Amino acid sequence: MRVLVTWGSKLGGTEEIARAIGEVLEANGLDVVAQPASHVPNAEGYDAAIVGGALYANRWHRDAYRFVTRNIAGLQRIPVWLFSSGPLDDAAERSTIPPPRQVSVLMERIGARGYATFGGRLAADAKGFPAAALARSHSGDWRNPNRIRAWAAQLAHDLPNAGPGAPSDPPARSVWRLLAHGAAGWALCAALMASLLQATSLGTAIAIHAVAAPLIFAAIALNYFRAHGAREPLPTALTFTGIVALLDAGVVALLILQSFAMFASVAGTWLPFGLIFLVTWAIGVTMSMLPEAKPDGAASGTAALSGHTS
């Protein structure tokens, strides 16, 4: 059985966890390929995969995240387990920490068989922000080698008879939901502009609209990203901005004004476009860092997952 063990790691701590897992699997007779996620193009040729990522403010290291999102279909065909290295305290030893929302959505999409959160590691002389600031109060190695190896030993026991999980796409990822939110934001902005033009001068209407449009999309973004499974901030921001631009061009410029002169206005057109993009992206990133609501009595782990790990 050929097993891929791959990871996204900035300072090497998560890599060491992944390699320790690979060693245990290998010692139990499995054919293990251990490579950083940035070096693995796809999941083809593997019978199972273990993917790990360092957590930064509740978000996975980008290499691990990109590997999974690039290989959704391939990972759906094999048994997959995910793990994170995150807490800069003993939270992972005191309770079971659930995956952050970004990783939870990935697990659903590929039908992951299991997940574990291990402690993180941060050197006292860590460089860069926010690592250096965190190191003053949270430096240390919070990984538990015994727990890591025990988890790997359980995987070695389960792998020979394991099949792929049951993947499901969260309803909130629906393309129609994404488009509907963008169109609703545009409609509110258009209605506001029409009302302003009836009540005040063109210059005043443009100024008010330039401020109000991003506020409207802030509310739209809050509603969109609140749902479990919402798409990532960057593509969502690009989609919302693109919808506004296309509807402005097709409805306002072409059908109503019968002129594209509005696109020569920086304050009236391009500034709102830019602000809509920025506010959507910023709200998406901020909300993706927040822990999801947990059932009463569930372990929190919020502080532990918010740190900068290796």
Protein backbone atom coordinates (compact mmCIF):
# COMPACT_ATOMS: atom_id res chain seq x y z
CA MET A 1 0.00 0.00 0.00
CA ARG A 2 1.54 3.30 -1.14
CA VAL A 3 0.80 6.16 1.27
CA LEU A 4 1.50 9.85 0.67
CA VAL A 5 2.46 11.93 3.70
CA THR A 6 2.62 15.60 2.78
CA TRP A 7 2.58 18.92 4.60
CA GLY A 8 2.71 22.70 4.53
CA SER A 9 5.24 24.07 7.02
CA LYS A 10 6.98 27.43 7.40
CA LEU A 11 9.46 26.84 10.21
CA GLY A 12 9.81 23.06 10.09
CA GLY A 13 7.73 21.98 13.08
CA THR A 14 4.85 20.57 11.04
CA GLU A 15 7.31 18.85 8.71
CA GLU A 16 8.84 17.04 11.69
CA ILE A 17 5.38 15.84 12.76
CA ALA A 18 4.67 14.58 9.24
CA ARG A 19 7.99 12.76 9.01
CA ALA A 20 7.40 11.14 12.40
CA ILE A 21 4.02 9.90 11.16
CA GLY A 22 5.69 8.58 8.02
CA GLU A 23 8.31 6.71 10.07
CA VAL A 24 5.62 4.93 12.10
CA LEU A 25 3.70 3.96 8.98
CA GLU A 26 6.88 2.69 7.35
CA ALA A 27 7.78 0.67 10.44
CA ASN A 28 4.40 -1.02 10.09
CA GLY A 29 5.16 -2.20 6.58
CA LEU A 30 3.56 0.54 4.50
CA ASP A 31 5.24 2.09 1.45
CA VAL A 32 5.49 5.76 2.43
CA VAL A 33 6.35 8.77 0.27
CA ALA A 34 6.98 11.85 2.44
CA GLN A 35 7.19 15.13 0.51
CA PRO A 36 6.27 18.78 1.16
CA ALA A 37 2.96 19.71 -0.43
CA SER A 38 4.64 22.23 -2.71
CA HIS A 39 6.58 19.37 -4.33
CA VAL A 40 3.62 17.04 -4.90
CA PRO A 41 1.69 17.85 -8.10
CA ASN A 42 -1.24 15.50 -7.50
CA ALA A 43 -2.52 12.48 -5.58
CA GLU A 44 -2.26 10.06 -8.49
CA GLY A 45 -0.53 6.75 -7.77
CA TYR A 46 -1.25 6.73 -4.04
CA ASP A 47 -3.57 4.40 -2.15
CA ALA A 48 -4.01 6.79 0.80
CA ALA A 49 -2.85 10.23 1.95
CA ILE A 50 -2.10 12.05 5.18
CA VAL A 51 -1.98 15.83 4.77
CA GLY A 52 -0.83 18.24 7.48
CA GLY A 53 -0.63 21.99 7.76
CA ALA A 54 0.65 24.56 10.21
CA LEU A 55 -2.10 26.84 11.50
CA TYR A 56 -1.78 30.61 11.29
CA ALA A 57 -4.72 32.48 12.84
CA ASN A 58 -7.01 29.50 12.23
CA ARG A 59 -5.93 29.17 8.59
CA TRP A 60 -3.88 26.30 7.18
CA HIS A 61 -0.47 26.84 5.62
CA ARG A 62 -1.15 27.78 2.00
CA ASP A 63 0.87 24.87 0.54
CA ALA A 64 -1.29 22.29 2.33
CA TYR A 65 -4.48 24.15 1.45
CA ARG A 66 -3.55 24.48 -2.23
CA PHE A 67 -2.56 20.83 -2.46
CA VAL A 68 -5.98 19.70 -1.24
CA THR A 69 -7.98 22.19 -3.31
CA ARG A 70 -6.02 21.29 -6.47
CA ASN A 71 -6.64 17.59 -5.91
CA ILE A 72 -10.22 17.37 -4.65
CA ALA A 73 -11.22 14.70 -7.18
CA GLY A 74 -8.09 12.60 -6.65
CA LEU A 75 -8.35 12.71 -2.87
CA GLN A 76 -12.02 11.72 -2.99
CA ARG A 77 -10.96 8.36 -4.45
CA ILE A 78 -8.66 7.35 -1.59
CA PRO A 79 -8.79 7.37 2.23
CA VAL A 80 -7.40 10.65 3.56
CA TRP A 81 -6.57 11.92 7.06
CA LEU A 82 -5.70 15.53 7.88
CA PHE A 83 -3.81 17.05 10.79
CA SER A 84 -2.79 20.49 11.99
CA SER A 85 0.01 21.83 14.12
CA GLY A 86 -1.24 24.84 15.97
CA PRO A 87 -1.70 25.48 19.69
CA LEU A 88 1.17 27.25 21.42
CA ASP A 89 0.14 25.81 24.78
CA ASP A 90 -1.06 22.45 26.11
CA ALA A 91 -4.60 22.83 24.73
CA ALA A 92 -4.17 19.90 22.34
CA GLU A 93 -3.31 17.65 25.29
CA ARG A 94 -6.16 18.82 27.50
CA SER A 95 -8.96 18.36 24.98
CA THR A 96 -9.80 17.35 21.44
CA ILE A 97 -9.59 20.44 19.26
CA PRO A 98 -11.85 20.37 16.21
CA PRO A 99 -10.60 21.55 12.81
CA PRO A 100 -10.92 25.26 12.04
CA ARG A 101 -13.64 26.13 9.54
CA GLN A 102 -11.31 26.24 6.53
CA VAL A 103 -10.00 22.72 7.22
CA SER A 104 -13.46 21.45 8.18
CA VAL A 105 -14.78 22.42 4.76
CA LEU A 106 -11.87 20.66 3.05
CA MET A 107 -12.62 17.52 5.06
CA GLU A 108 -16.21 17.51 3.86
CA ARG A 109 -15.24 18.10 0.24
CA ILE A 110 -12.81 15.17 0.10
CA GLY A 111 -14.57 12.90 2.59
CA ALA A 112 -11.62 12.80 4.99
CA ARG A 113 -11.60 9.81 7.36
CA GLY A 114 -10.21 11.66 10.36
CA TYR A 115 -8.41 14.66 11.78
CA ALA A 116 -6.08 15.57 14.64
CA THR A 117 -4.68 18.80 16.07
CA PHE A 118 -1.20 18.62 17.58
CA GLY A 119 0.67 21.26 19.53
CA GLY A 120 2.87 23.72 17.72
CA ARG A 121 6.44 24.85 18.07
CA LEU A 122 7.81 28.39 18.15
CA ALA A 123 11.46 29.22 18.77
CA ALA A 124 12.29 31.98 21.23
CA ASP A 125 14.34 33.76 18.55
CA ALA A 126 11.66 33.51 15.84
CA LYS A 127 11.90 36.28 13.26
CA GLY A 128 9.20 38.24 11.49
CA PHE A 129 5.75 39.43 12.47
CA PRO A 130 3.75 38.08 14.26
CA ALA A 131 6.11 35.21 15.16
CA ALA A 132 8.58 37.44 17.01
CA ALA A 133 5.81 39.06 19.05
CA LEU A 134 4.24 35.71 19.95
CA ALA A 135 7.62 34.23 20.85
CA ARG A 136 7.94 36.61 23.80
CA SER A 137 5.10 34.87 25.62
CA HIS A 138 4.41 31.60 23.77
CA SER A 139 7.77 30.23 22.66
CA GLY A 140 8.40 26.54 23.20
CA ASP A 141 7.72 23.13 21.74
CA TRP A 142 4.17 22.03 22.53
CA ARG A 143 4.22 18.90 20.37
CA ASN A 144 3.75 15.55 22.09
CA PRO A 145 5.82 12.89 20.26
CA ASN A 146 4.01 10.05 22.04
CA ARG A 147 0.59 11.30 20.98
CA ILE A 148 1.78 11.86 17.42
CA ARG A 149 3.17 8.33 17.19
CA ALA A 150 0.07 6.84 18.79
CA TRP A 151 -2.10 8.58 16.19
CA ALA A 152 0.17 7.31 13.42
CA ALA A 153 0.06 3.77 14.85
CA GLN A 154 -3.74 3.88 14.75
CA LEU A 155 -3.56 4.98 11.12
CA ALA A 156 -1.20 2.09 10.34
CA HIS A 157 -3.75 -0.27 11.88
CA ASP A 158 -6.69 1.23 9.97
CA LEU A 159 -5.12 1.86 6.57
CA PRO A 160 -5.02 -1.68 5.11
CA ASN A 161 -8.81 -1.98 5.32
CA ALA A 162 -9.73 1.67 4.86
CA GLY A 163 -11.72 2.96 1.91
CA PRO A 164 -12.43 6.51 0.78
CA GLY A 165 -14.87 8.55 2.82
CA ALA A 166 -18.15 10.05 1.64
CA PRO A 167 -17.44 13.51 0.22
CA SER A 168 -20.04 16.26 0.18
CA ASP A 169 -19.99 19.83 -1.01
CA PRO A 170 -21.32 22.24 1.64
CA PRO A 171 -24.49 23.93 0.31
CA ALA A 172 -23.00 27.35 1.08
CA ARG A 173 -20.41 26.76 -1.68
CA SER A 174 -23.16 26.84 -4.31
CA VAL A 175 -22.29 28.96 -7.34
CA TRP A 176 -25.88 30.22 -7.41
CA ARG A 177 -25.62 31.41 -3.82
CA LEU A 178 -22.40 33.26 -4.67
CA LEU A 179 -23.95 34.90 -7.75
CA ALA A 180 -27.16 35.75 -5.89
CA HIS A 181 -25.25 37.61 -3.17
CA GLY A 182 -23.27 39.58 -5.74
CA ALA A 183 -26.39 40.44 -7.73
CA ALA A 184 -28.25 41.47 -4.57
CA GLY A 185 -25.42 43.81 -3.63
CA TRP A 186 -25.46 45.38 -7.08
CA ALA A 187 -29.25 45.81 -6.99
CA LEU A 188 -29.08 47.62 -3.64
CA CYS A 189 -26.30 49.89 -4.92
CA ALA A 190 -28.23 50.63 -8.11
CA ALA A 191 -31.42 51.42 -6.19
CA LEU A 192 -29.50 53.74 -3.88
CA MET A 193 -27.91 55.57 -6.82
CA ALA A 194 -31.28 55.97 -8.54
CA SER A 195 -32.77 57.43 -5.37
CA LEU A 196 -29.85 59.80 -4.88
CA LEU A 197 -30.10 61.09 -8.44
CA GLN A 198 -33.75 61.97 -7.78
CA ALA A 199 -32.91 63.80 -4.57
CA THR A 200 -29.59 65.55 -5.15
CA SER A 201 -26.99 66.62 -7.70
CA LEU A 202 -24.90 64.17 -9.73
CA GLY A 203 -21.71 65.08 -7.89
CA THR A 204 -23.25 64.58 -4.46
CA ALA A 205 -24.89 61.32 -5.56
CA ILE A 206 -21.54 59.98 -6.80
CA ALA A 207 -19.80 60.92 -3.54
CA ILE A 208 -22.47 59.31 -1.35
CA HIS A 209 -22.59 56.21 -3.56
CA ALA A 210 -18.81 55.80 -3.40
CA VAL A 211 -19.06 55.57 0.39
CA ALA A 212 -22.29 53.59 0.57
CA ALA A 213 -21.45 50.89 -2.01
CA PRO A 214 -18.67 49.25 0.05
CA LEU A 215 -20.86 49.46 3.17
CA ILE A 216 -23.64 47.63 1.33
CA PHE A 217 -21.19 44.96 0.22
CA ALA A 218 -19.80 44.72 3.73
CA ALA A 219 -23.27 43.62 4.85
CA ILE A 220 -23.55 41.27 1.85
CA ALA A 221 -20.12 39.77 2.62
CA LEU A 222 -20.96 39.29 6.30
CA ASN A 223 -24.07 37.35 5.33
CA TYR A 224 -22.24 35.33 2.69
CA PHE A 225 -19.21 34.34 4.77
CA ARG A 226 -21.24 33.58 7.89
CA ALA A 227 -22.42 30.29 6.38
CA HIS A 228 -20.28 27.17 6.81
CA GLY A 229 -18.62 26.31 3.52
CA ALA A 230 -18.58 29.75 1.91
CA ARG A 231 -15.97 30.11 -0.79
CA GLU A 232 -12.55 31.62 -0.18
CA PRO A 233 -12.23 35.42 0.24
CA LEU A 234 -10.21 36.21 -2.90
CA PRO A 235 -12.39 34.45 -5.50
CA THR A 236 -15.49 35.75 -3.74
CA ALA A 237 -14.22 39.34 -3.83
CA LEU A 238 -13.30 38.97 -7.50
CA THR A 239 -16.73 37.51 -8.29
CA PHE A 240 -18.67 40.23 -6.47
CA THR A 241 -16.63 42.97 -8.16
CA GLY A 242 -16.99 41.29 -11.55
CA ILE A 243 -20.77 41.02 -11.16
CA VAL A 244 -21.01 44.72 -10.32
CA ALA A 245 -18.83 45.66 -13.29
CA LEU A 246 -20.76 43.45 -15.73
CA LEU A 247 -24.18 44.62 -14.56
CA ASP A 248 -23.08 48.25 -14.60
CA ALA A 249 -21.85 47.80 -18.16
CA GLY A 250 -24.80 45.76 -19.43
CA VAL A 251 -27.70 47.41 -17.60
CA VAL A 252 -26.68 50.93 -16.59
CA ALA A 253 -24.29 51.89 -19.39
CA LEU A 254 -25.71 49.93 -22.33
CA LEU A 255 -29.46 49.89 -21.65
CA ILE A 256 -30.14 52.98 -19.53
CA LEU A 257 -27.46 55.56 -20.35
CA GLN A 258 -26.65 54.11 -23.78
CA SER A 259 -23.09 55.26 -23.19
CA PHE A 260 -20.00 53.88 -21.49
CA ALA A 261 -18.86 57.33 -20.37
CA MET A 262 -19.45 56.34 -16.75
CA PHE A 263 -16.34 54.13 -16.95
CA ALA A 264 -14.21 57.25 -17.42
CA SER A 265 -15.09 58.35 -13.88
CA VAL A 266 -12.65 57.26 -11.19
CA ALA A 267 -14.77 58.44 -8.26
CA GLY A 268 -18.07 57.29 -9.72
CA THR A 269 -17.06 53.87 -11.01
CA TRP A 270 -13.56 52.61 -10.34
CA LEU A 271 -13.30 53.74 -6.72
CA PRO A 272 -16.49 51.85 -5.71
CA PHE A 273 -15.24 48.80 -7.64
CA GLY A 274 -11.97 48.83 -5.73
CA LEU A 275 -13.63 49.39 -2.37
CA ILE A 276 -16.17 46.61 -2.98
CA PHE A 277 -13.31 44.22 -3.73
CA LEU A 278 -11.29 45.27 -0.67
CA VAL A 279 -14.13 45.16 1.84
CA THR A 280 -15.34 41.76 0.61
CA TRP A 281 -11.85 40.28 0.74
CA ALA A 282 -11.07 41.77 4.17
CA ILE A 283 -14.31 40.54 5.74
CA GLY A 284 -13.81 37.09 4.21
CA VAL A 285 -10.29 36.77 5.59
CA THR A 286 -11.33 38.05 9.02
CA MET A 287 -14.30 35.69 9.30
CA SER A 288 -12.26 32.70 8.14
CA MET A 289 -9.97 33.26 11.13
CA LEU A 290 -12.84 33.04 13.60
CA PRO A 291 -13.70 29.68 15.14
CA GLU A 292 -17.06 28.24 14.19
CA ALA A 293 -19.75 28.01 16.82
CA LYS A 294 -19.52 24.74 18.70
CA PRO A 295 -22.22 22.74 20.48
CA ASP A 296 -22.62 23.37 24.21
CA GLY A 297 -19.95 21.56 26.15
CA ALA A 298 -17.54 21.21 23.21
CA ALA A 299 -13.91 22.05 23.79
CA SER A 300 -13.09 25.58 22.74
CA GLY A 301 -9.47 25.72 21.68
CA THR A 302 -9.98 29.23 20.34
CA ALA A 303 -6.90 30.78 21.92
CA ALA A 304 -4.79 27.77 21.13
CA LEU A 305 -5.61 27.90 17.43
CA SER A 306 -4.98 31.59 17.03
CA GLY A 307 -1.20 31.42 17.32
CA HIS A 308 1.58 31.47 14.77
CA THR A 309 3.07 27.99 14.48
CA SER A 310 5.82 26.18 12.65
